[in-house]
PDB file of N, CA and C in Angstrom:
ATOM      1  N   MET A   1      45.958 -10.195 170.086  1.00  0.00           N
ATOM      2  CA  MET A   1      47.364 -10.302 169.793  1.00  0.00           C
ATOM      3  C   MET A   1      47.864  -9.559 168.338  1.00  0.00           C
ATOM      4  N   LYS A   2      48.835  -9.018 168.511  1.00  0.00           N
ATOM      5  CA  LYS A   2      49.433  -8.279 167.351  1.00  0.00           C
ATOM      6  C   LYS A   2      50.238  -9.312 166.592  1.00  0.00           C
ATOM      7  N   THR A   3      50.499  -8.990 165.257  1.00  0.00           N
ATOM      8  CA  THR A   3      51.439  -9.829 164.353  1.00  0.00           C
ATOM      9  C   THR A   3      52.643 -10.077 164.806  1.00  0.00           C
ATOM     10  N   ASN A   4      53.305  -8.996 165.451  1.00  0.00           N
ATOM     11  CA  ASN A   4      54.633  -9.140 165.959  1.00  0.00           C
ATOM     12  C   ASN A   4      54.660 -10.067 167.168  1.00  0.00           C
ATOM     13  N   ASP A   5      53.511 -10.224 168.035  1.00  0.00           N
ATOM     14  CA  ASP A   5      53.509 -11.106 169.128  1.00  0.00           C
ATOM     15  C   ASP A   5      53.531 -12.481 168.615  1.00  0.00           C
ATOM     16  N   ILE A   6      52.748 -12.802 167.566  1.00  0.00           N
ATOM     17  CA  ILE A   6      52.548 -14.139 167.021  1.00  0.00           C
ATOM     18  C   ILE A   6      53.935 -14.696 166.571  1.00  0.00           C
ATOM     19  N   THR A   7      54.727 -13.848 165.870  1.00  0.00           N
ATOM     20  CA  THR A   7      55.910 -14.322 165.221  1.00  0.00           C
ATOM     21  C   THR A   7      56.881 -14.523 166.353  1.00  0.00           C
ATOM     22  N   LYS A   8      56.842 -14.160 167.573  1.00  0.00           N
ATOM     23  CA  LYS A   8      57.777 -14.293 168.552  1.00  0.00           C
ATOM     24  C   LYS A   8      57.183 -15.222 169.627  1.00  0.00           C
ATOM     25  N   ALA A   9      56.275 -15.992 169.305  1.00  0.00           N
ATOM     26  CA  ALA A   9      55.549 -16.875 170.323  1.00  0.00           C
ATOM     27  C   ALA A   9      56.535 -18.084 170.414  1.00  0.00           C
ATOM     28  N   GLN A  10      56.411 -18.625 171.571  1.00  0.00           N
ATOM     29  CA  GLN A  10      57.374 -19.885 171.855  1.00  0.00           C
ATOM     30  C   GLN A  10      56.769 -21.163 171.229  1.00  0.00           C
ATOM     31  N   ASN A  11      55.519 -21.279 170.989  1.00  0.00           N
ATOM     32  CA  ASN A  11      55.025 -22.274 170.426  1.00  0.00           C
ATOM     33  C   ASN A  11      55.192 -22.318 168.880  1.00  0.00           C
ATOM     34  N   PRO A  12      55.886 -23.352 168.245  1.00  0.00           N
ATOM     35  CA  PRO A  12      56.248 -23.189 166.852  1.00  0.00           C
ATOM     36  C   PRO A  12      54.906 -23.275 165.966  1.00  0.00           C
ATOM     37  N   ALA A  13      53.865 -23.968 166.442  1.00  0.00           N
ATOM     38  CA  ALA A  13      52.740 -23.992 165.722  1.00  0.00           C
ATOM     39  C   ALA A  13      52.112 -22.618 165.537  1.00  0.00           C
ATOM     40  N   LEU A  14      52.102 -21.913 166.731  1.00  0.00           N
ATOM     41  CA  LEU A  14      51.548 -20.620 166.651  1.00  0.00           C
ATOM     42  C   LEU A  14      52.352 -19.573 165.853  1.00  0.00           C
ATOM     43  N   ARG A  15      53.591 -19.786 165.837  1.00  0.00           N
ATOM     44  CA  ARG A  15      54.548 -18.824 165.008  1.00  0.00           C
ATOM     45  C   ARG A  15      54.210 -19.064 163.516  1.00  0.00           C
ATOM     46  N   GLY A  16      53.879 -20.405 163.099  1.00  0.00           N
ATOM     47  CA  GLY A  16      53.637 -20.625 161.743  1.00  0.00           C
ATOM     48  C   GLY A  16      52.234 -20.400 161.315  1.00  0.00           C
ATOM     49  N   SER A  17      51.267 -20.113 162.272  1.00  0.00           N
ATOM     50  CA  SER A  17      50.031 -19.901 161.975  1.00  0.00           C
ATOM     51  C   SER A  17      49.600 -18.682 161.068  1.00  0.00           C
ATOM     52  N   LEU A  18      50.329 -17.624 161.197  1.00  0.00           N
ATOM     53  CA  LEU A  18      50.148 -16.444 160.403  1.00  0.00           C
ATOM     54  C   LEU A  18      50.350 -16.887 158.802  1.00  0.00           C
ATOM     55  N   ASN A  19      51.458 -17.469 158.601  1.00  0.00           N
ATOM     56  CA  ASN A  19      51.835 -17.799 157.318  1.00  0.00           C
ATOM     57  C   ASN A  19      50.767 -18.800 156.801  1.00  0.00           C
ATOM     58  N   ALA A  20      50.368 -19.800 157.641  1.00  0.00           N
ATOM     59  CA  ALA A  20      49.339 -20.708 157.087  1.00  0.00           C
ATOM     60  C   ALA A  20      48.110 -20.001 156.771  1.00  0.00           C
ATOM     61  N   LEU A  21      47.557 -18.913 157.540  1.00  0.00           N
ATOM     62  CA  LEU A  21      46.442 -18.236 157.249  1.00  0.00           C
ATOM     63  C   LEU A  21      46.696 -17.571 155.867  1.00  0.00           C
ATOM     64  N   ARG A  22      47.724 -16.938 155.670  1.00  0.00           N
ATOM     65  CA  ARG A  22      48.030 -16.228 154.382  1.00  0.00           C
ATOM     66  C   ARG A  22      47.936 -17.142 153.186  1.00  0.00           C
ATOM     67  N   ARG A  23      48.545 -18.289 153.413  1.00  0.00           N
ATOM     68  CA  ARG A  23      48.405 -19.351 152.294  1.00  0.00           C
ATOM     69  C   ARG A  23      47.016 -19.861 151.998  1.00  0.00           C
ATOM     70  N   SER A  24      46.322 -20.070 153.045  1.00  0.00           N
ATOM     71  CA  SER A  24      44.920 -20.452 152.931  1.00  0.00           C
ATOM     72  C   SER A  24      44.040 -19.397 152.281  1.00  0.00           C
ATOM     73  N   ALA A  25      44.233 -18.085 152.517  1.00  0.00           N
ATOM     74  CA  ALA A  25      43.533 -17.118 151.997  1.00  0.00           C
ATOM     75  C   ALA A  25      43.867 -16.979 150.494  1.00  0.00           C
ATOM     76  N   GLU A  26      45.186 -17.053 150.154  1.00  0.00           N
ATOM     77  CA  GLU A  26      45.564 -17.176 148.801  1.00  0.00           C
ATOM     78  C   GLU A  26      44.843 -18.371 147.936  1.00  0.00           C
ATOM     79  N   ALA A  27      44.804 -19.513 148.575  1.00  0.00           N
ATOM     80  CA  ALA A  27      44.275 -20.644 148.077  1.00  0.00           C
ATOM     81  C   ALA A  27      42.708 -20.319 147.779  1.00  0.00           C
ATOM     82  N   ALA A  28      42.105 -19.657 148.811  1.00  0.00           N
ATOM     83  CA  ALA A  28      40.723 -19.578 148.625  1.00  0.00           C
ATOM     84  C   ALA A  28      40.320 -18.518 147.398  1.00  0.00           C
ATOM     85  N   ARG A  29      41.262 -17.378 147.347  1.00  0.00           N
ATOM     86  CA  ARG A  29      41.093 -16.516 146.212  1.00  0.00           C
ATOM     87  C   ARG A  29      41.228 -17.207 144.902  1.00  0.00           C
ATOM     88  N   LYS A  30      42.242 -18.283 144.878  1.00  0.00           N
ATOM     89  CA  LYS A  30      42.525 -18.897 143.449  1.00  0.00           C
ATOM     90  C   LYS A  30      41.295 -19.770 143.180  1.00  0.00           C
ATOM     91  N   VAL A  31      40.544 -20.538 144.209  1.00  0.00           N
ATOM     92  CA  VAL A  31      39.554 -21.338 144.018  1.00  0.00           C
ATOM     93  C   VAL A  31      38.287 -20.368 143.543  1.00  0.00           C
ATOM     94  N   ALA A  32      38.115 -19.301 144.205  1.00  0.00           N
ATOM     95  CA  ALA A  32      36.955 -18.462 143.849  1.00  0.00           C
ATOM     96  C   ALA A  32      37.158 -18.071 142.348  1.00  0.00           C
ATOM     97  N   ILE A  33      38.268 -17.674 141.965  1.00  0.00           N
ATOM     98  CA  ILE A  33      38.519 -17.300 140.570  1.00  0.00           C
ATOM     99  C   ILE A  33      38.215 -18.435 139.663  1.00  0.00           C
ATOM    100  N   GLN A  34      38.779 -19.616 140.010  1.00  0.00           N
ATOM    101  CA  GLN A  34      38.585 -20.830 139.049  1.00  0.00           C
ATOM    102  C   GLN A  34      37.137 -21.231 138.976  1.00  0.00           C
ATOM    103  N   THR A  35      36.412 -21.004 139.944  1.00  0.00           N
ATOM    104  CA  THR A  35      35.014 -21.604 140.099  1.00  0.00           C
ATOM    105  C   THR A  35      33.976 -20.431 139.774  1.00  0.00           C
ATOM    106  N   ASP A  36      34.538 -19.274 139.578  1.00  0.00           N
ATOM    107  CA  ASP A  36      33.713 -18.025 139.318  1.00  0.00           C
ATOM    108  C   ASP A  36      32.617 -17.860 140.559  1.00  0.00           C
ATOM    109  N   THR A  37      33.066 -17.994 141.703  1.00  0.00           N
ATOM    110  CA  THR A  37      32.199 -17.710 142.820  1.00  0.00           C
ATOM    111  C   THR A  37      32.746 -16.603 143.626  1.00  0.00           C
ATOM    112  N   ASP A  38      31.859 -16.037 144.363  1.00  0.00           N
ATOM    113  CA  ASP A  38      32.200 -14.901 145.339  1.00  0.00           C
ATOM    114  C   ASP A  38      32.934 -15.392 146.640  1.00  0.00           C
ATOM    115  N   LEU A  39      33.766 -14.496 147.076  1.00  0.00           N
ATOM    116  CA  LEU A  39      34.473 -14.810 148.176  1.00  0.00           C
ATOM    117  C   LEU A  39      33.928 -13.876 149.323  1.00  0.00           C
ATOM    118  N   VAL A  40      33.646 -14.422 150.503  1.00  0.00           N
ATOM    119  CA  VAL A  40      33.069 -13.731 151.471  1.00  0.00           C
ATOM    120  C   VAL A  40      34.033 -13.604 152.679  1.00  0.00           C
ATOM    121  N   ILE A  41      34.338 -12.261 153.052  1.00  0.00           N
ATOM    122  CA  ILE A  41      35.273 -12.089 154.097  1.00  0.00           C
ATOM    123  C   ILE A  41      34.598 -11.043 155.070  1.00  0.00           C
ATOM    124  N   VAL A  42      35.309 -11.062 156.280  1.00  0.00           N
ATOM    125  CA  VAL A  42      34.997 -10.045 157.212  1.00  0.00           C
ATOM    126  C   VAL A  42      36.073  -9.009 157.244  1.00  0.00           C
ATOM    127  N   LYS A  43      35.637  -7.777 157.116  1.00  0.00           N
ATOM    128  CA  LYS A  43      36.557  -6.680 157.197  1.00  0.00           C
ATOM    129  C   LYS A  43      35.964  -5.583 158.147  1.00  0.00           C
ATOM    130  N   ASP A  44      36.745  -5.131 159.206  1.00  0.00           N
ATOM    131  CA  ASP A  44      36.156  -4.129 160.054  1.00  0.00           C
ATOM    132  C   ASP A  44      34.785  -4.529 160.596  1.00  0.00           C
ATOM    133  N   GLY A  45      34.583  -5.775 160.939  1.00  0.00           N
ATOM    134  CA  GLY A  45      33.238  -6.197 161.475  1.00  0.00           C
ATOM    135  C   GLY A  45      32.157  -6.380 160.466  1.00  0.00           C
ATOM    136  N   GLN A  46      32.477  -6.139 159.199  1.00  0.00           N
ATOM    137  CA  GLN A  46      31.430  -6.066 158.275  1.00  0.00           C
ATOM    138  C   GLN A  46      31.585  -7.341 157.206  1.00  0.00           C
ATOM    139  N   LEU A  47      30.558  -7.977 156.999  1.00  0.00           N
ATOM    140  CA  LEU A  47      30.710  -9.044 155.878  1.00  0.00           C
ATOM    141  C   LEU A  47      30.770  -8.362 154.428  1.00  0.00           C
ATOM    142  N   LEU A  48      31.662  -8.810 153.807  1.00  0.00           N
ATOM    143  CA  LEU A  48      31.874  -8.333 152.442  1.00  0.00           C
ATOM    144  C   LEU A  48      31.867  -9.472 151.267  1.00  0.00           C
ATOM    145  N   ARG A  49      31.262  -9.234 150.267  1.00  0.00           N
ATOM    146  CA  ARG A  49      31.222 -10.207 149.194  1.00  0.00           C
ATOM    147  C   ARG A  49      32.113  -9.607 148.101  1.00  0.00           C
ATOM    148  N   ILE A  50      33.226 -10.303 147.651  1.00  0.00           N
ATOM    149  CA  ILE A  50      33.944  -9.887 146.626  1.00  0.00           C
ATOM    150  C   ILE A  50      33.776 -11.019 145.436  1.00  0.00           C
ATOM    151  N   SER A  51      33.452 -10.476 144.293  1.00  0.00           N
ATOM    152  CA  SER A  51      33.158 -11.279 143.151  1.00  0.00           C
ATOM    153  C   SER A  51      34.358 -11.817 142.545  1.00  0.00           C
ATOM    154  N   ALA A  52      34.350 -12.848 141.855  1.00  0.00           N
ATOM    155  CA  ALA A  52      35.535 -13.447 141.167  1.00  0.00           C
ATOM    156  C   ALA A  52      36.096 -12.439 140.206  1.00  0.00           C
ATOM    157  N   GLU A  53      35.236 -11.664 139.568  1.00  0.00           N
ATOM    158  CA  GLU A  53      35.680 -10.612 138.658  1.00  0.00           C
ATOM    159  C   GLU A  53      36.685  -9.635 139.386  1.00  0.00           C
ATOM    160  N   GLU A  54      36.185  -9.072 140.543  1.00  0.00           N
ATOM    161  CA  GLU A  54      36.975  -8.245 141.351  1.00  0.00           C
ATOM    162  C   GLU A  54      38.268  -8.955 141.733  1.00  0.00           C
ATOM    163  N   LEU A  55      38.299 -10.164 141.935  1.00  0.00           N
ATOM    164  CA  LEU A  55      39.488 -10.855 142.482  1.00  0.00           C
ATOM    165  C   LEU A  55      40.466 -10.985 141.372  1.00  0.00           C
ATOM    166  N   ARG A  56      40.019 -11.217 140.007  1.00  0.00           N
ATOM    167  CA  ARG A  56      40.791 -11.273 138.844  1.00  0.00           C
ATOM    168  C   ARG A  56      41.499  -9.972 138.567  1.00  0.00           C
ATOM    169  N   LYS A  57      40.688  -8.749 138.816  1.00  0.00           N
ATOM    170  CA  LYS A  57      41.350  -7.512 138.532  1.00  0.00           C
ATOM    171  C   LYS A  57      42.325  -7.313 139.612  1.00  0.00           C
ATOM    172  N   SER A  58      42.078  -7.678 140.843  1.00  0.00           N
ATOM    173  CA  SER A  58      43.132  -7.393 141.850  1.00  0.00           C
ATOM    174  C   SER A  58      44.348  -8.279 141.854  1.00  0.00           C
ATOM    175  N   ALA A  59      44.234  -9.371 141.114  1.00  0.00           N
ATOM    176  CA  ALA A  59      45.341 -10.307 140.936  1.00  0.00           C
ATOM    177  C   ALA A  59      46.171 -10.069 139.781  1.00  0.00           C
ATOM    178  N   GLY A  60      45.689  -9.167 138.967  1.00  0.00           N
ATOM    179  CA  GLY A  60      46.442  -8.774 137.726  1.00  0.00           C
ATOM    180  C   GLY A  60      45.845  -9.328 136.428  1.00  0.00           C
ATOM    181  N   GLY A  61      44.509  -9.602 136.490  1.00  0.00           N
ATOM    182  CA  GLY A  61      43.920  -9.962 135.280  1.00  0.00           C
ATOM    183  C   GLY A  61      44.162 -11.317 134.724  1.00  0.00           C
ATOM    184  N   ASP A  62      44.826 -11.402 133.611  1.00  0.00           N
ATOM    185  CA  ASP A  62      44.966 -12.713 132.904  1.00  0.00           C
ATOM    186  C   ASP A  62      45.908 -13.688 133.790  1.00  0.00           C
ATOM    187  N   ALA A  63      46.709 -13.225 134.628  1.00  0.00           N
ATOM    188  CA  ALA A  63      47.534 -14.045 135.508  1.00  0.00           C
ATOM    189  C   ALA A  63      46.738 -14.972 136.222  1.00  0.00           C
ATOM    190  N   ALA A  64      45.613 -14.488 136.650  1.00  0.00           N
ATOM    191  CA  ALA A  64      44.867 -15.230 137.758  1.00  0.00           C
ATOM    192  C   ALA A  64      43.749 -16.113 137.062  1.00  0.00           C
ATOM    193  N   LYS A  65      43.527 -16.093 135.761  1.00  0.00           N
ATOM    194  CA  LYS A  65      42.583 -16.780 134.966  1.00  0.00           C
ATOM    195  C   LYS A  65      42.998 -18.297 134.956  1.00  0.00           C
ATOM    196  N   PRO A  66      41.979 -19.296 135.116  1.00  0.00           N
ATOM    197  CA  PRO A  66      42.404 -20.705 135.033  1.00  0.00           C
ATOM    198  C   PRO A  66      43.000 -21.085 133.685  1.00  0.00           C
TER     199      PRO A  66
END
């Protein structure tokens, strides 16, 4: 299903699920930075490990530090 299809779904829970996933991804990045742990994601079918340091850099450095 494409993003546009989800936002036009009749079920209100399904419509809100994309924003919920985005919020939870942001929360996971913040926790990984605060606890200095790696974040593991799947991108293009491959498992990727992103270090807390990389997350800090992509979040703008000092703004993301606890």
